[in-house]
Amino acid sequence: MARSYRHDQRLPSQRKSTRDYRTRIDPLADVWADVERLLQGEARLKAKTLFEHLQQRRPGKFDDSGADVRNHSDRAHSRLATQC
């Protein structure tokens, strides 16, 4: 299997199939409705401000380790981009 690419005429990038499933559990799934409600009220809120709000509302659920901050920031920015 590891060498199957040698006999295939396609490039490695063409061999990849699209992924329609999540690779891990979404840590924001249960709070995303709150974030959207806040964004509807004030669309100019920054991702960091929203994240701090979530930390206050749900102590211990989100930490400043980086992964939670980055995940929230990416998702908030993509949401804001689709509104514009």
PDB file of N, CA and C in Angstrom:
ATOM      1  N   MET A   1       0.827  -1.190   0.000  1.00  0.00           N
ATOM      2  CA  MET A   1       0.000   0.000   0.000  1.00  0.00           C
ATOM      3  C   MET A   1       0.872   1.255   0.000  1.00  0.00           C
ATOM      4  N   ALA A   2       1.962   1.211   0.717  1.00  0.00           N
ATOM      5  CA  ALA A   2       2.806   2.396   0.819  1.00  0.00           C
ATOM      6  C   ALA A   2       3.430   2.764  -0.515  1.00  0.00           C
ATOM      7  N   ARG A   3       3.620   1.794  -1.372  1.00  0.00           N
ATOM      8  CA  ARG A   3       4.242   2.073  -2.668  1.00  0.00           C
ATOM      9  C   ARG A   3       3.242   2.101  -3.812  1.00  0.00           C
ATOM     10  N   SER A   4       1.973   2.109  -3.495  1.00  0.00           N
ATOM     11  CA  SER A   4       0.955   2.077  -4.545  1.00  0.00           C
ATOM     12  C   SER A   4       1.002   3.325  -5.424  1.00  0.00           C
ATOM     13  N   TYR A   5       1.550   4.407  -4.904  1.00  0.00           N
ATOM     14  CA  TYR A   5       1.625   5.632  -5.691  1.00  0.00           C
ATOM     15  C   TYR A   5       2.548   5.469  -6.907  1.00  0.00           C
ATOM     16  N   ARG A   6       3.488   4.554  -6.841  1.00  0.00           N
ATOM     17  CA  ARG A   6       4.434   4.374  -7.953  1.00  0.00           C
ATOM     18  C   ARG A   6       3.747   3.895  -9.223  1.00  0.00           C
ATOM     19  N   HIS A   7       2.684   3.135  -9.068  1.00  0.00           N
ATOM     20  CA  HIS A   7       1.982   2.584 -10.231  1.00  0.00           C
ATOM     21  C   HIS A   7       0.783   3.427 -10.641  1.00  0.00           C
ATOM     22  N   ASP A   8       0.533   4.455  -9.900  1.00  0.00           N
ATOM     23  CA  ASP A   8      -0.605   5.332 -10.180  1.00  0.00           C
ATOM     24  C   ASP A   8      -0.124   6.533 -10.984  1.00  0.00           C
ATOM     25  N   GLN A   9      -0.852   6.909 -11.979  1.00  0.00           N
ATOM     26  CA  GLN A   9      -0.469   8.029 -12.835  1.00  0.00           C
ATOM     27  C   GLN A   9      -0.837   9.384 -12.226  1.00  0.00           C
ATOM     28  N   ARG A  10      -1.642   9.371 -11.173  1.00  0.00           N
ATOM     29  CA  ARG A  10      -2.075  10.625 -10.555  1.00  0.00           C
ATOM     30  C   ARG A  10      -1.011  11.147  -9.591  1.00  0.00           C
ATOM     31  N   LEU A  11      -1.022  12.453  -9.409  1.00  0.00           N
ATOM     32  CA  LEU A  11      -0.152  13.077  -8.422  1.00  0.00           C
ATOM     33  C   LEU A  11      -0.680  12.757  -7.016  1.00  0.00           C
ATOM     34  N   PRO A  12       0.180  12.795  -6.004  1.00  0.00           N
ATOM     35  CA  PRO A  12      -0.296  12.537  -4.637  1.00  0.00           C
ATOM     36  C   PRO A  12      -1.435  13.467  -4.222  1.00  0.00           C
ATOM     37  N   SER A  13      -1.390  14.712  -4.650  1.00  0.00           N
ATOM     38  CA  SER A  13      -2.462  15.648  -4.286  1.00  0.00           C
ATOM     39  C   SER A  13      -3.781  15.279  -4.954  1.00  0.00           C
ATOM     40  N   GLN A  14      -3.722  14.574  -6.069  1.00  0.00           N
ATOM     41  CA  GLN A  14      -4.938  14.154  -6.756  1.00  0.00           C
ATOM     42  C   GLN A  14      -5.495  12.854  -6.171  1.00  0.00           C
ATOM     43  N   ARG A  15      -4.701  12.131  -5.446  1.00  0.00           N
ATOM     44  CA  ARG A  15      -5.119  10.863  -4.855  1.00  0.00           C
ATOM     45  C   ARG A  15      -5.919  11.060  -3.570  1.00  0.00           C
ATOM     46  N   LYS A  16      -5.773  12.189  -2.942  1.00  0.00           N
ATOM     47  CA  LYS A  16      -6.446  12.422  -1.665  1.00  0.00           C
ATOM     48  C   LYS A  16      -7.951  12.555  -1.871  1.00  0.00           C
ATOM     49  N   SER A  17      -8.687  11.929  -0.994  1.00  0.00           N
ATOM     50  CA  SER A  17     -10.134  12.088  -1.039  1.00  0.00           C
ATOM     51  C   SER A  17     -10.536  13.204  -0.074  1.00  0.00           C
ATOM     52  N   THR A  18     -11.645  13.808  -0.339  1.00  0.00           N
ATOM     53  CA  THR A  18     -12.107  14.886   0.530  1.00  0.00           C
ATOM     54  C   THR A  18     -12.642  14.285   1.822  1.00  0.00           C
ATOM     55  N   ARG A  19     -12.439  14.999   2.901  1.00  0.00           N
ATOM     56  CA  ARG A  19     -12.872  14.546   4.214  1.00  0.00           C
ATOM     57  C   ARG A  19     -14.118  15.317   4.601  1.00  0.00           C
ATOM     58  N   ASP A  20     -15.186  14.608   4.904  1.00  0.00           N
ATOM     59  CA  ASP A  20     -16.440  15.254   5.289  1.00  0.00           C
ATOM     60  C   ASP A  20     -16.799  14.958   6.752  1.00  0.00           C
ATOM     61  N   TYR A  21     -15.806  14.620   7.534  1.00  0.00           N
ATOM     62  CA  TYR A  21     -16.024  14.332   8.942  1.00  0.00           C
ATOM     63  C   TYR A  21     -15.019  15.122   9.778  1.00  0.00           C
ATOM     64  N   ARG A  22     -15.345  15.311  11.042  1.00  0.00           N
ATOM     65  CA  ARG A  22     -14.449  16.025  11.948  1.00  0.00           C
ATOM     66  C   ARG A  22     -13.422  15.043  12.493  1.00  0.00           C
ATOM     67  N   THR A  23     -12.204  15.506  12.669  1.00  0.00           N
ATOM     68  CA  THR A  23     -11.158  14.644  13.202  1.00  0.00           C
ATOM     69  C   THR A  23     -11.115  14.667  14.725  1.00  0.00           C
ATOM     70  N   ARG A  24     -11.797  15.625  15.326  1.00  0.00           N
ATOM     71  CA  ARG A  24     -11.871  15.686  16.781  1.00  0.00           C
ATOM     72  C   ARG A  24     -13.167  16.382  17.178  1.00  0.00           C
ATOM     73  N   ILE A  25     -13.506  16.261  18.422  1.00  0.00           N
ATOM     74  CA  ILE A  25     -14.739  16.866  18.929  1.00  0.00           C
ATOM     75  C   ILE A  25     -14.590  18.384  18.936  1.00  0.00           C
ATOM     76  N   ASP A  26     -15.630  19.080  18.517  1.00  0.00           N
ATOM     77  CA  ASP A  26     -15.620  20.534  18.478  1.00  0.00           C
ATOM     78  C   ASP A  26     -15.829  21.081  19.888  1.00  0.00           C
ATOM     79  N   PRO A  27     -14.810  21.730  20.479  1.00  0.00           N
ATOM     80  CA  PRO A  27     -14.956  22.231  21.845  1.00  0.00           C
ATOM     81  C   PRO A  27     -15.911  23.415  21.953  1.00  0.00           C
ATOM     82  N   LEU A  28     -16.278  24.011  20.839  1.00  0.00           N
ATOM     83  CA  LEU A  28     -17.155  25.178  20.873  1.00  0.00           C
ATOM     84  C   LEU A  28     -18.604  24.854  20.515  1.00  0.00           C
ATOM     85  N   ALA A  29     -18.898  23.607  20.253  1.00  0.00           N
ATOM     86  CA  ALA A  29     -20.233  23.237  19.776  1.00  0.00           C
ATOM     87  C   ALA A  29     -21.341  23.669  20.734  1.00  0.00           C
ATOM     88  N   ASP A  30     -21.139  23.463  22.025  1.00  0.00           N
ATOM     89  CA  ASP A  30     -22.209  23.776  22.974  1.00  0.00           C
ATOM     90  C   ASP A  30     -22.294  25.250  23.356  1.00  0.00           C
ATOM     91  N   VAL A  31     -21.327  26.066  22.977  1.00  0.00           N
ATOM     92  CA  VAL A  31     -21.372  27.496  23.310  1.00  0.00           C
ATOM     93  C   VAL A  31     -21.479  28.384  22.075  1.00  0.00           C
ATOM     94  N   TRP A  32     -21.468  27.792  20.889  1.00  0.00           N
ATOM     95  CA  TRP A  32     -21.432  28.597  19.673  1.00  0.00           C
ATOM     96  C   TRP A  32     -22.690  29.450  19.516  1.00  0.00           C
ATOM     97  N   ALA A  33     -23.824  28.988  19.995  1.00  0.00           N
ATOM     98  CA  ALA A  33     -25.056  29.787  19.923  1.00  0.00           C
ATOM     99  C   ALA A  33     -24.894  31.089  20.716  1.00  0.00           C
ATOM    100  N   ASP A  34     -24.213  31.027  21.864  1.00  0.00           N
ATOM    101  CA  ASP A  34     -23.945  32.236  22.652  1.00  0.00           C
ATOM    102  C   ASP A  34     -23.057  33.206  21.882  1.00  0.00           C
ATOM    103  N   VAL A  35     -22.051  32.663  21.221  1.00  0.00           N
ATOM    104  CA  VAL A  35     -21.129  33.507  20.450  1.00  0.00           C
ATOM    105  C   VAL A  35     -21.879  34.185  19.308  1.00  0.00           C
ATOM    106  N   GLU A  36     -22.699  33.442  18.602  1.00  0.00           N
ATOM    107  CA  GLU A  36     -23.459  34.036  17.497  1.00  0.00           C
ATOM    108  C   GLU A  36     -24.412  35.111  17.992  1.00  0.00           C
ATOM    109  N   ARG A  37     -25.030  34.884  19.157  1.00  0.00           N
ATOM    110  CA  ARG A  37     -25.934  35.889  19.718  1.00  0.00           C
ATOM    111  C   ARG A  37     -25.177  37.169  20.044  1.00  0.00           C
ATOM    112  N   LEU A  38     -23.986  37.025  20.615  1.00  0.00           N
ATOM    113  CA  LEU A  38     -23.167  38.203  20.929  1.00  0.00           C
ATOM    114  C   LEU A  38     -22.737  38.926  19.657  1.00  0.00           C
ATOM    115  N   LEU A  39     -22.388  38.172  18.621  1.00  0.00           N
ATOM    116  CA  LEU A  39     -21.977  38.789  17.362  1.00  0.00           C
ATOM    117  C   LEU A  39     -23.131  39.510  16.678  1.00  0.00           C
ATOM    118  N   GLN A  40     -24.332  38.986  16.820  1.00  0.00           N
ATOM    119  CA  GLN A  40     -25.487  39.663  16.240  1.00  0.00           C
ATOM    120  C   GLN A  40     -25.742  40.990  16.942  1.00  0.00           C
ATOM    121  N   GLY A  41     -25.502  41.018  18.239  1.00  0.00           N
ATOM    122  CA  GLY A  41     -25.687  42.250  19.002  1.00  0.00           C
ATOM    123  C   GLY A  41     -24.599  43.271  18.729  1.00  0.00           C
ATOM    124  N   GLU A  42     -23.388  42.810  18.549  1.00  0.00           N
ATOM    125  CA  GLU A  42     -22.244  43.696  18.303  1.00  0.00           C
ATOM    126  C   GLU A  42     -21.258  42.973  17.397  1.00  0.00           C
ATOM    127  N   ALA A  43     -21.368  43.204  16.109  1.00  0.00           N
ATOM    128  CA  ALA A  43     -20.562  42.490  15.109  1.00  0.00           C
ATOM    129  C   ALA A  43     -19.078  42.860  15.169  1.00  0.00           C
ATOM    130  N   ARG A  44     -18.738  43.968  15.813  1.00  0.00           N
ATOM    131  CA  ARG A  44     -17.331  44.398  15.844  1.00  0.00           C
ATOM    132  C   ARG A  44     -16.536  43.795  16.996  1.00  0.00           C
ATOM    133  N   LEU A  45     -17.139  42.907  17.772  1.00  0.00           N
ATOM    134  CA  LEU A  45     -16.414  42.275  18.873  1.00  0.00           C
ATOM    135  C   LEU A  45     -15.232  41.469  18.330  1.00  0.00           C
ATOM    136  N   LYS A  46     -14.142  41.551  19.026  1.00  0.00           N
ATOM    137  CA  LYS A  46     -12.939  40.801  18.647  1.00  0.00           C
ATOM    138  C   LYS A  46     -13.030  39.380  19.188  1.00  0.00           C
ATOM    139  N   ALA A  47     -12.327  38.469  18.543  1.00  0.00           N
ATOM    140  CA  ALA A  47     -12.330  37.071  18.957  1.00  0.00           C
ATOM    141  C   ALA A  47     -11.822  36.923  20.394  1.00  0.00           C
ATOM    142  N   LYS A  48     -10.814  37.675  20.751  1.00  0.00           N
ATOM    143  CA  LYS A  48     -10.258  37.602  22.106  1.00  0.00           C
ATOM    144  C   LYS A  48     -11.292  38.038  23.144  1.00  0.00           C
ATOM    145  N   THR A  49     -12.056  39.072  22.845  1.00  0.00           N
ATOM    146  CA  THR A  49     -13.100  39.548  23.753  1.00  0.00           C
ATOM    147  C   THR A  49     -14.176  38.488  23.920  1.00  0.00           C
ATOM    148  N   LEU A  50     -14.568  37.858  22.823  1.00  0.00           N
ATOM    149  CA  LEU A  50     -15.565  36.797  22.887  1.00  0.00           C
ATOM    150  C   LEU A  50     -15.050  35.616  23.710  1.00  0.00           C
ATOM    151  N   PHE A  51     -13.787  35.279  23.521  1.00  0.00           N
ATOM    152  CA  PHE A  51     -13.201  34.159  24.248  1.00  0.00           C
ATOM    153  C   PHE A  51     -13.153  34.462  25.742  1.00  0.00           C
ATOM    154  N   GLU A  52     -12.791  35.674  26.108  1.00  0.00           N
ATOM    155  CA  GLU A  52     -12.770  36.056  27.518  1.00  0.00           C
ATOM    156  C   GLU A  52     -14.171  35.987  28.116  1.00  0.00           C
ATOM    157  N   HIS A  53     -15.166  36.370  27.329  1.00  0.00           N
ATOM    158  CA  HIS A  53     -16.556  36.279  27.781  1.00  0.00           C
ATOM    159  C   HIS A  53     -16.922  34.808  28.057  1.00  0.00           C
ATOM    160  N   LEU A  54     -16.531  33.911  27.161  1.00  0.00           N
ATOM    161  CA  LEU A  54     -16.809  32.491  27.356  1.00  0.00           C
ATOM    162  C   LEU A  54     -16.092  31.952  28.596  1.00  0.00           C
ATOM    163  N   GLN A  55     -14.877  32.411  28.822  1.00  0.00           N
ATOM    164  CA  GLN A  55     -14.137  31.962  30.009  1.00  0.00           C
ATOM    165  C   GLN A  55     -14.844  32.408  31.294  1.00  0.00           C
ATOM    166  N   GLN A  56     -15.423  33.596  31.281  1.00  0.00           N
ATOM    167  CA  GLN A  56     -16.135  34.084  32.460  1.00  0.00           C
ATOM    168  C   GLN A  56     -17.445  33.331  32.666  1.00  0.00           C
ATOM    169  N   ARG A  57     -18.138  33.039  31.564  1.00  0.00           N
ATOM    170  CA  ARG A  57     -19.428  32.356  31.645  1.00  0.00           C
ATOM    171  C   ARG A  57     -19.293  30.875  32.000  1.00  0.00           C
ATOM    172  N   ARG A  58     -18.201  30.268  31.552  1.00  0.00           N
ATOM    173  CA  ARG A  58     -17.978  28.840  31.791  1.00  0.00           C
ATOM    174  C   ARG A  58     -16.578  28.621  32.358  1.00  0.00           C
ATOM    175  N   PRO A  59     -16.392  28.929  33.631  1.00  0.00           N
ATOM    176  CA  PRO A  59     -15.061  28.785  34.237  1.00  0.00           C
ATOM    177  C   PRO A  59     -14.555  27.345  34.147  1.00  0.00           C
ATOM    178  N   GLY A  60     -13.304  27.201  33.770  1.00  0.00           N
ATOM    179  CA  GLY A  60     -12.676  25.898  33.704  1.00  0.00           C
ATOM    180  C   GLY A  60     -12.852  25.164  32.390  1.00  0.00           C
ATOM    181  N   LYS A  61     -13.774  25.597  31.550  1.00  0.00           N
ATOM    182  CA  LYS A  61     -14.006  24.896  30.279  1.00  0.00           C
ATOM    183  C   LYS A  61     -12.967  25.267  29.231  1.00  0.00           C
ATOM    184  N   PHE A  62     -12.594  26.520  29.173  1.00  0.00           N
ATOM    185  CA  PHE A  62     -11.629  26.996  28.177  1.00  0.00           C
ATOM    186  C   PHE A  62     -10.411  27.544  28.894  1.00  0.00           C
ATOM    187  N   ASP A  63      -9.240  27.190  28.402  1.00  0.00           N
ATOM    188  CA  ASP A  63      -8.027  27.719  29.013  1.00  0.00           C
ATOM    189  C   ASP A  63      -7.225  28.512  27.981  1.00  0.00           C
ATOM    190  N   ASP A  64      -6.186  29.158  28.448  1.00  0.00           N
ATOM    191  CA  ASP A  64      -5.357  29.988  27.585  1.00  0.00           C
ATOM    192  C   ASP A  64      -4.215  29.197  26.946  1.00  0.00           C
ATOM    193  N   SER A  65      -4.350  27.888  26.861  1.00  0.00           N
ATOM    194  CA  SER A  65      -3.251  27.037  26.389  1.00  0.00           C
ATOM    195  C   SER A  65      -2.871  27.305  24.945  1.00  0.00           C
ATOM    196  N   GLY A  66      -3.747  27.853  24.174  1.00  0.00           N
ATOM    197  CA  GLY A  66      -3.424  28.124  22.775  1.00  0.00           C
ATOM    198  C   GLY A  66      -4.395  27.438  21.838  1.00  0.00           C
ATOM    199  N   ALA A  67      -4.659  26.168  22.065  1.00  0.00           N
ATOM    200  CA  ALA A  67      -5.549  25.427  21.171  1.00  0.00           C
ATOM    201  C   ALA A  67      -6.968  25.982  21.243  1.00  0.00           C
ATOM    202  N   ASP A  68      -7.472  26.217  22.454  1.00  0.00           N
ATOM    203  CA  ASP A  68      -8.820  26.763  22.601  1.00  0.00           C
ATOM    204  C   ASP A  68      -8.898  28.167  22.027  1.00  0.00           C
ATOM    205  N   VAL A  69      -7.899  28.975  22.300  1.00  0.00           N
ATOM    206  CA  VAL A  69      -7.879  30.352  21.794  1.00  0.00           C
ATOM    207  C   VAL A  69      -7.835  30.350  20.270  1.00  0.00           C
ATOM    208  N   ARG A  70      -6.956  29.543  19.702  1.00  0.00           N
ATOM    209  CA  ARG A  70      -6.801  29.491  18.250  1.00  0.00           C
ATOM    210  C   ARG A  70      -8.069  28.963  17.572  1.00  0.00           C
ATOM    211  N   ASN A  71      -8.657  27.918  18.137  1.00  0.00           N
ATOM    212  CA  ASN A  71      -9.862  27.347  17.573  1.00  0.00           C
ATOM    213  C   ASN A  71     -10.991  28.379  17.574  1.00  0.00           C
ATOM    214  N   HIS A  72     -11.154  29.057  18.687  1.00  0.00           N
ATOM    215  CA  HIS A  72     -12.211  30.060  18.781  1.00  0.00           C
ATOM    216  C   HIS A  72     -11.933  31.229  17.841  1.00  0.00           C
ATOM    217  N   SER A  73     -10.703  31.676  17.803  1.00  0.00           N
ATOM    218  CA  SER A  73     -10.346  32.808  16.959  1.00  0.00           C
ATOM    219  C   SER A  73     -10.587  32.497  15.486  1.00  0.00           C
ATOM    220  N   ASP A  74     -10.154  31.322  15.041  1.00  0.00           N
ATOM    221  CA  ASP A  74     -10.352  30.931  13.643  1.00  0.00           C
ATOM    222  C   ASP A  74     -11.829  30.858  13.296  1.00  0.00           C
ATOM    223  N   ARG A  75     -12.597  30.272  14.181  1.00  0.00           N
ATOM    224  CA  ARG A  75     -14.022  30.115  13.907  1.00  0.00           C
ATOM    225  C   ARG A  75     -14.747  31.461  13.922  1.00  0.00           C
ATOM    226  N   ALA A  76     -14.396  32.336  14.846  1.00  0.00           N
ATOM    227  CA  ALA A  76     -15.026  33.652  14.915  1.00  0.00           C
ATOM    228  C   ALA A  76     -14.679  34.481  13.686  1.00  0.00           C
ATOM    229  N   HIS A  77     -13.426  34.411  13.248  1.00  0.00           N
ATOM    230  CA  HIS A  77     -13.029  35.165  12.065  1.00  0.00           C
ATOM    231  C   HIS A  77     -13.730  34.649  10.814  1.00  0.00           C
ATOM    232  N   SER A  78     -13.891  33.344  10.684  1.00  0.00           N
ATOM    233  CA  SER A  78     -14.582  32.809   9.519  1.00  0.00           C
ATOM    234  C   SER A  78     -16.055  33.192   9.538  1.00  0.00           C
ATOM    235  N   ARG A  79     -16.644  33.234  10.729  1.00  0.00           N
ATOM    236  CA  ARG A  79     -18.046  33.640  10.858  1.00  0.00           C
ATOM    237  C   ARG A  79     -18.210  35.108  10.464  1.00  0.00           C
ATOM    238  N   LEU A  80     -17.280  35.936  10.924  1.00  0.00           N
ATOM    239  CA  LEU A  80     -17.355  37.356  10.586  1.00  0.00           C
ATOM    240  C   LEU A  80     -17.140  37.574   9.088  1.00  0.00           C
ATOM    241  N   ALA A  81     -16.259  36.785   8.487  1.00  0.00           N
ATOM    242  CA  ALA A  81     -15.981  36.927   7.070  1.00  0.00           C
ATOM    243  C   ALA A  81     -17.199  36.576   6.224  1.00  0.00           C
ATOM    244  N   THR A  82     -17.998  35.617   6.662  1.00  0.00           N
ATOM    245  CA  THR A  82     -19.172  35.232   5.892  1.00  0.00           C
ATOM    246  C   THR A  82     -20.288  36.255   6.025  1.00  0.00           C
ATOM    247  N   GLN A  83     -20.248  37.071   7.065  1.00  0.00           N
ATOM    248  CA  GLN A  83     -21.271  38.102   7.239  1.00  0.00           C
ATOM    249  C   GLN A  83     -21.024  39.311   6.351  1.00  0.00           C
ATOM    250  N   CYS A  84     -19.781  39.548   6.001  1.00  0.00           N
ATOM    251  CA  CYS A  84     -19.443  40.748   5.221  1.00  0.00           C
ATOM    252  C   CYS A  84     -19.778  40.582   3.762  1.00  0.00           C
TER     253      CYS A  84
END
